[in-house]
Amino acid sequence: MADRGPLSVTIREQGGAVVVTVGGEIGYHEAPSLRASIKEAYEKKPRRLVADLSGVTYMATPGLATLVEALQIAKRTQTVLVLCGLTERVRAIFEIARLHTVFKIVGTVDEAVVA
């Protein structure tokens, strides 16, 4: 079983985009922290926001809801939101919820910055 440690979030700029790198698990207790980090990233008024989920080992419904909220903010602010680095486990959750059809999802941060 993969390490399911506490949530870690870092925000940085790369290639004109703001990249939010998330690690650990996103459950009921971690989603508010992720939501706050995403809002902090949007305060930088990026044209492109990248959510790097390559370090996410588990995602529950509140994590999905937080990302849907981020997509709604992106549409309101005319920001391009790109998800990248989804593990097979996390990608499966997106596919079950059919969210892979509404999010722009690519493999890596480098792809996401130019996608």
N, C-alpha and C. Protein backbone atom coordinates (compact mmCIF):
# COMPACT_ATOMS: atom_id res chain seq x y z
N MET A 1 0.84 -1.18 0.00
CA MET A 1 0.00 0.00 0.00
C MET A 1 0.88 1.24 0.00
N ALA A 2 0.47 2.25 -0.74
CA ALA A 2 1.24 3.50 -0.84
C ALA A 2 1.17 4.26 0.48
N ASP A 3 2.19 5.06 0.69
CA ASP A 3 2.23 5.92 1.87
C ASP A 3 1.10 6.94 1.78
N ARG A 4 0.27 7.00 2.81
CA ARG A 4 -0.85 7.94 2.82
C ARG A 4 -0.64 8.92 3.96
N GLY A 5 0.35 9.77 3.79
CA GLY A 5 0.68 10.74 4.83
C GLY A 5 -0.22 11.95 4.76
N PRO A 6 0.08 12.94 5.60
CA PRO A 6 -0.73 14.16 5.63
C PRO A 6 -0.59 14.94 4.33
N LEU A 7 -1.51 15.84 4.12
CA LEU A 7 -1.53 16.65 2.90
C LEU A 7 -0.40 17.68 2.92
N SER A 8 0.26 17.82 1.79
CA SER A 8 1.24 18.90 1.62
C SER A 8 0.88 19.65 0.34
N VAL A 9 0.99 20.96 0.39
CA VAL A 9 0.68 21.79 -0.78
C VAL A 9 1.75 22.86 -0.91
N THR A 10 2.29 22.99 -2.12
CA THR A 10 3.22 24.08 -2.40
C THR A 10 2.70 24.84 -3.61
N ILE A 11 2.98 26.13 -3.63
CA ILE A 11 2.55 26.99 -4.73
C ILE A 11 3.80 27.67 -5.29
N ARG A 12 3.98 27.58 -6.61
CA ARG A 12 5.13 28.22 -7.24
C ARG A 12 4.74 28.66 -8.64
N GLU A 13 5.58 29.47 -9.24
CA GLU A 13 5.35 29.89 -10.62
C GLU A 13 6.31 29.18 -11.54
N GLN A 14 5.81 28.79 -12.70
CA GLN A 14 6.64 28.13 -13.70
C GLN A 14 6.10 28.47 -15.08
N GLY A 15 6.94 29.00 -15.91
CA GLY A 15 6.56 29.27 -17.29
C GLY A 15 5.32 30.13 -17.45
N GLY A 16 5.13 31.09 -16.56
CA GLY A 16 3.97 31.97 -16.64
C GLY A 16 2.71 31.40 -16.00
N ALA A 17 2.79 30.18 -15.47
CA ALA A 17 1.64 29.57 -14.80
C ALA A 17 1.91 29.50 -13.30
N VAL A 18 0.83 29.43 -12.54
CA VAL A 18 0.95 29.16 -11.11
C VAL A 18 0.69 27.66 -10.93
N VAL A 19 1.65 26.98 -10.31
CA VAL A 19 1.56 25.53 -10.13
C VAL A 19 1.30 25.22 -8.65
N VAL A 20 0.22 24.50 -8.39
CA VAL A 20 -0.12 24.04 -7.05
C VAL A 20 0.21 22.56 -7.01
N THR A 21 1.25 22.20 -6.26
CA THR A 21 1.68 20.81 -6.17
C THR A 21 1.12 20.22 -4.88
N VAL A 22 0.40 19.12 -5.03
CA VAL A 22 -0.31 18.52 -3.90
C VAL A 22 0.27 17.13 -3.64
N GLY A 23 0.48 16.80 -2.38
CA GLY A 23 0.97 15.48 -2.00
C GLY A 23 0.20 14.93 -0.82
N GLY A 24 0.10 13.63 -0.75
CA GLY A 24 -0.60 12.97 0.35
C GLY A 24 -2.01 12.60 -0.04
N GLU A 25 -2.88 12.57 0.93
CA GLU A 25 -4.26 12.20 0.66
C GLU A 25 -5.19 13.38 0.85
N ILE A 26 -6.26 13.40 0.07
CA ILE A 26 -7.25 14.48 0.16
C ILE A 26 -8.55 13.85 0.59
N GLY A 27 -8.79 13.89 1.88
CA GLY A 27 -10.02 13.37 2.44
C GLY A 27 -10.85 14.51 3.02
N TYR A 28 -11.75 14.16 3.90
CA TYR A 28 -12.65 15.15 4.49
C TYR A 28 -11.90 16.21 5.29
N HIS A 29 -10.84 15.81 6.00
CA HIS A 29 -10.12 16.75 6.85
C HIS A 29 -9.12 17.61 6.08
N GLU A 30 -8.65 17.09 4.94
CA GLU A 30 -7.63 17.80 4.18
C GLU A 30 -8.21 18.76 3.14
N ALA A 31 -9.43 18.54 2.69
CA ALA A 31 -10.02 19.36 1.63
C ALA A 31 -10.05 20.86 1.96
N PRO A 32 -10.38 21.27 3.18
CA PRO A 32 -10.37 22.72 3.47
C PRO A 32 -9.00 23.35 3.28
N SER A 33 -7.93 22.64 3.63
CA SER A 33 -6.58 23.14 3.44
C SER A 33 -6.27 23.27 1.95
N LEU A 34 -6.67 22.29 1.15
CA LEU A 34 -6.48 22.37 -0.29
C LEU A 34 -7.26 23.54 -0.87
N ARG A 35 -8.51 23.71 -0.43
CA ARG A 35 -9.35 24.81 -0.90
C ARG A 35 -8.67 26.15 -0.62
N ALA A 36 -8.14 26.31 0.57
CA ALA A 36 -7.46 27.56 0.94
C ALA A 36 -6.23 27.79 0.07
N SER A 37 -5.49 26.74 -0.22
CA SER A 37 -4.29 26.86 -1.06
C SER A 37 -4.66 27.24 -2.49
N ILE A 38 -5.71 26.67 -3.00
CA ILE A 38 -6.15 27.00 -4.37
C ILE A 38 -6.61 28.46 -4.43
N LYS A 39 -7.33 28.89 -3.42
CA LYS A 39 -7.77 30.30 -3.40
C LYS A 39 -6.56 31.23 -3.32
N GLU A 40 -5.55 30.83 -2.55
CA GLU A 40 -4.33 31.62 -2.46
C GLU A 40 -3.65 31.70 -3.84
N ALA A 41 -3.64 30.60 -4.56
CA ALA A 41 -3.05 30.59 -5.91
C ALA A 41 -3.83 31.51 -6.85
N TYR A 42 -5.16 31.50 -6.75
CA TYR A 42 -5.97 32.37 -7.61
C TYR A 42 -5.75 33.85 -7.28
N GLU A 43 -5.36 34.16 -6.06
CA GLU A 43 -5.09 35.55 -5.69
C GLU A 43 -3.92 36.13 -6.47
N LYS A 44 -3.08 35.26 -7.03
CA LYS A 44 -1.96 35.71 -7.86
C LYS A 44 -2.43 36.10 -9.27
N LYS A 45 -3.73 35.92 -9.52
CA LYS A 45 -4.35 36.25 -10.80
C LYS A 45 -3.63 35.61 -12.00
N PRO A 46 -3.44 34.29 -11.95
CA PRO A 46 -2.75 33.63 -13.05
C PRO A 46 -3.63 33.52 -14.29
N ARG A 47 -3.01 33.46 -15.43
CA ARG A 47 -3.76 33.17 -16.66
C ARG A 47 -3.95 31.66 -16.76
N ARG A 48 -3.01 30.90 -16.14
CA ARG A 48 -3.07 29.44 -16.15
C ARG A 48 -2.74 28.93 -14.75
N LEU A 49 -3.58 28.05 -14.25
CA LEU A 49 -3.35 27.43 -12.95
C LEU A 49 -3.20 25.93 -13.18
N VAL A 50 -2.11 25.38 -12.70
CA VAL A 50 -1.83 23.96 -12.86
C VAL A 50 -1.92 23.29 -11.50
N ALA A 51 -2.71 22.24 -11.41
CA ALA A 51 -2.79 21.44 -10.19
C ALA A 51 -2.03 20.15 -10.45
N ASP A 52 -0.85 20.04 -9.85
CA ASP A 52 -0.01 18.85 -9.99
C ASP A 52 -0.42 17.86 -8.91
N LEU A 53 -1.10 16.80 -9.32
CA LEU A 53 -1.63 15.82 -8.37
C LEU A 53 -0.79 14.55 -8.33
N SER A 54 0.44 14.61 -8.85
CA SER A 54 1.26 13.40 -8.94
C SER A 54 1.59 12.80 -7.57
N GLY A 55 1.55 13.61 -6.52
CA GLY A 55 1.84 13.09 -5.19
C GLY A 55 0.61 12.70 -4.39
N VAL A 56 -0.57 12.78 -5.02
CA VAL A 56 -1.81 12.45 -4.30
C VAL A 56 -2.01 10.93 -4.31
N THR A 57 -2.07 10.36 -3.11
CA THR A 57 -2.22 8.91 -2.99
C THR A 57 -3.67 8.47 -2.83
N TYR A 58 -4.52 9.39 -2.45
CA TYR A 58 -5.94 9.07 -2.20
C TYR A 58 -6.74 10.35 -2.33
N MET A 59 -7.94 10.24 -2.92
CA MET A 59 -8.82 11.40 -3.01
C MET A 59 -10.25 10.95 -2.74
N ALA A 60 -10.89 11.60 -1.78
CA ALA A 60 -12.29 11.34 -1.45
C ALA A 60 -13.15 12.43 -2.09
N THR A 61 -14.44 12.30 -1.95
CA THR A 61 -15.40 13.22 -2.54
C THR A 61 -15.10 14.70 -2.25
N PRO A 62 -14.72 15.08 -1.03
CA PRO A 62 -14.42 16.49 -0.79
C PRO A 62 -13.25 17.01 -1.64
N GLY A 63 -12.30 16.16 -1.96
CA GLY A 63 -11.21 16.56 -2.83
C GLY A 63 -11.71 16.85 -4.23
N LEU A 64 -12.59 15.98 -4.73
CA LEU A 64 -13.19 16.22 -6.05
C LEU A 64 -14.00 17.51 -6.03
N ALA A 65 -14.77 17.70 -4.98
CA ALA A 65 -15.60 18.91 -4.88
C ALA A 65 -14.73 20.17 -4.86
N THR A 66 -13.59 20.10 -4.20
CA THR A 66 -12.68 21.24 -4.16
C THR A 66 -12.15 21.56 -5.55
N LEU A 67 -11.82 20.53 -6.32
CA LEU A 67 -11.32 20.76 -7.68
C LEU A 67 -12.43 21.25 -8.60
N VAL A 68 -13.65 20.79 -8.40
CA VAL A 68 -14.78 21.31 -9.20
C VAL A 68 -14.98 22.79 -8.87
N GLU A 69 -14.86 23.15 -7.60
CA GLU A 69 -14.97 24.55 -7.20
C GLU A 69 -13.85 25.36 -7.86
N ALA A 70 -12.64 24.81 -7.92
CA ALA A 70 -11.53 25.49 -8.58
C ALA A 70 -11.82 25.70 -10.07
N LEU A 71 -12.48 24.74 -10.69
CA LEU A 71 -12.86 24.87 -12.10
C LEU A 71 -13.89 25.98 -12.29
N GLN A 72 -14.82 26.08 -11.36
CA GLN A 72 -15.82 27.15 -11.43
C GLN A 72 -15.17 28.51 -11.29
N ILE A 73 -14.20 28.63 -10.38
CA ILE A 73 -13.47 29.88 -10.23
C ILE A 73 -12.70 30.19 -11.51
N ALA A 74 -12.09 29.17 -12.10
CA ALA A 74 -11.33 29.36 -13.34
C ALA A 74 -12.23 29.92 -14.44
N LYS A 75 -13.42 29.39 -14.54
CA LYS A 75 -14.34 29.88 -15.58
C LYS A 75 -14.75 31.33 -15.32
N ARG A 76 -15.00 31.66 -14.05
CA ARG A 76 -15.38 33.04 -13.69
C ARG A 76 -14.25 34.02 -13.95
N THR A 77 -13.01 33.60 -13.71
CA THR A 77 -11.87 34.50 -13.82
C THR A 77 -11.13 34.36 -15.15
N GLN A 78 -11.67 33.55 -16.03
CA GLN A 78 -11.06 33.28 -17.35
C GLN A 78 -9.63 32.78 -17.21
N THR A 79 -9.44 31.89 -16.26
CA THR A 79 -8.16 31.24 -16.03
C THR A 79 -8.23 29.84 -16.63
N VAL A 80 -7.14 29.39 -17.22
CA VAL A 80 -7.08 28.02 -17.71
C VAL A 80 -6.64 27.14 -16.55
N LEU A 81 -7.45 26.16 -16.18
CA LEU A 81 -7.11 25.22 -15.12
C LEU A 81 -6.73 23.89 -15.77
N VAL A 82 -5.55 23.41 -15.44
CA VAL A 82 -5.07 22.15 -15.99
C VAL A 82 -4.64 21.25 -14.84
N LEU A 83 -5.12 20.01 -14.85
CA LEU A 83 -4.70 19.01 -13.87
C LEU A 83 -3.64 18.15 -14.51
N CYS A 84 -2.65 17.73 -13.73
CA CYS A 84 -1.63 16.84 -14.29
C CYS A 84 -1.15 15.86 -13.23
N GLY A 85 -0.49 14.82 -13.72
CA GLY A 85 0.15 13.86 -12.83
C GLY A 85 -0.80 12.94 -12.08
N LEU A 86 -1.99 12.71 -12.60
CA LEU A 86 -2.93 11.85 -11.90
C LEU A 86 -2.41 10.42 -11.88
N THR A 87 -2.36 9.83 -10.69
CA THR A 87 -2.01 8.43 -10.57
C THR A 87 -3.17 7.60 -11.10
N GLU A 88 -2.93 6.33 -11.34
CA GLU A 88 -4.01 5.47 -11.83
C GLU A 88 -5.19 5.48 -10.88
N ARG A 89 -4.91 5.45 -9.60
CA ARG A 89 -5.96 5.43 -8.59
C ARG A 89 -6.82 6.69 -8.63
N VAL A 90 -6.16 7.85 -8.72
CA VAL A 90 -6.88 9.12 -8.75
C VAL A 90 -7.60 9.28 -10.09
N ARG A 91 -6.94 8.89 -11.19
CA ARG A 91 -7.58 8.98 -12.51
C ARG A 91 -8.86 8.13 -12.54
N ALA A 92 -8.83 6.98 -11.90
CA ALA A 92 -10.01 6.12 -11.87
C ALA A 92 -11.18 6.81 -11.18
N ILE A 93 -10.88 7.55 -10.12
CA ILE A 93 -11.94 8.28 -9.41
C ILE A 93 -12.55 9.34 -10.34
N PHE A 94 -11.70 10.05 -11.07
CA PHE A 94 -12.19 11.05 -12.03
C PHE A 94 -13.05 10.39 -13.11
N GLU A 95 -12.63 9.23 -13.57
CA GLU A 95 -13.38 8.55 -14.63
C GLU A 95 -14.72 8.02 -14.11
N ILE A 96 -14.74 7.48 -12.91
CA ILE A 96 -16.00 6.99 -12.33
C ILE A 96 -16.99 8.13 -12.20
N ALA A 97 -16.50 9.30 -11.78
CA ALA A 97 -17.36 10.48 -11.61
C ALA A 97 -17.57 11.22 -12.94
N ARG A 98 -16.94 10.73 -14.00
CA ARG A 98 -17.00 11.32 -15.34
C ARG A 98 -16.44 12.74 -15.38
N LEU A 99 -15.61 13.07 -14.41
CA LEU A 99 -15.01 14.40 -14.36
C LEU A 99 -13.86 14.55 -15.34
N HIS A 100 -13.35 13.44 -15.84
CA HIS A 100 -12.28 13.53 -16.85
C HIS A 100 -12.79 14.17 -18.14
N THR A 101 -14.11 14.27 -18.27
CA THR A 101 -14.68 14.90 -19.47
C THR A 101 -14.82 16.42 -19.32
N VAL A 102 -14.70 16.94 -18.11
CA VAL A 102 -14.86 18.39 -17.91
C VAL A 102 -13.56 19.10 -17.56
N PHE A 103 -12.57 18.35 -17.08
CA PHE A 103 -11.28 18.94 -16.74
C PHE A 103 -10.30 18.72 -17.88
N LYS A 104 -9.38 19.65 -18.04
CA LYS A 104 -8.25 19.45 -18.95
C LYS A 104 -7.20 18.71 -18.13
N ILE A 105 -6.84 17.50 -18.56
CA ILE A 105 -5.91 16.65 -17.83
C ILE A 105 -4.77 16.25 -18.76
N VAL A 106 -3.54 16.48 -18.30
CA VAL A 106 -2.36 16.09 -19.06
C VAL A 106 -1.42 15.31 -18.14
N GLY A 107 -0.32 14.81 -18.70
CA GLY A 107 0.57 13.96 -17.94
C GLY A 107 1.49 14.64 -16.95
N THR A 108 2.14 15.73 -17.39
CA THR A 108 3.18 16.35 -16.57
C THR A 108 2.97 17.86 -16.40
N VAL A 109 3.70 18.42 -15.45
CA VAL A 109 3.65 19.87 -15.24
C VAL A 109 4.12 20.59 -16.49
N ASP A 110 5.19 20.11 -17.10
CA ASP A 110 5.71 20.76 -18.31
C ASP A 110 4.65 20.80 -19.41
N GLU A 111 3.91 19.71 -19.57
CA GLU A 111 2.81 19.69 -20.56
C GLU A 111 1.71 20.66 -20.15
N ALA A 112 1.40 20.71 -18.86
CA ALA A 112 0.30 21.53 -18.36
C ALA A 112 0.60 23.02 -18.53
N VAL A 113 1.85 23.40 -18.40
CA VAL A 113 2.21 24.81 -18.51
C VAL A 113 1.96 25.33 -19.93
N VAL A 114 2.07 24.46 -20.92
CA VAL A 114 1.88 24.90 -22.31
C VAL A 114 0.59 24.37 -22.94
N ALA A 115 -0.13 23.50 -22.23
CA ALA A 115 -1.34 22.88 -22.80
C ALA A 115 -2.43 23.87 -23.09
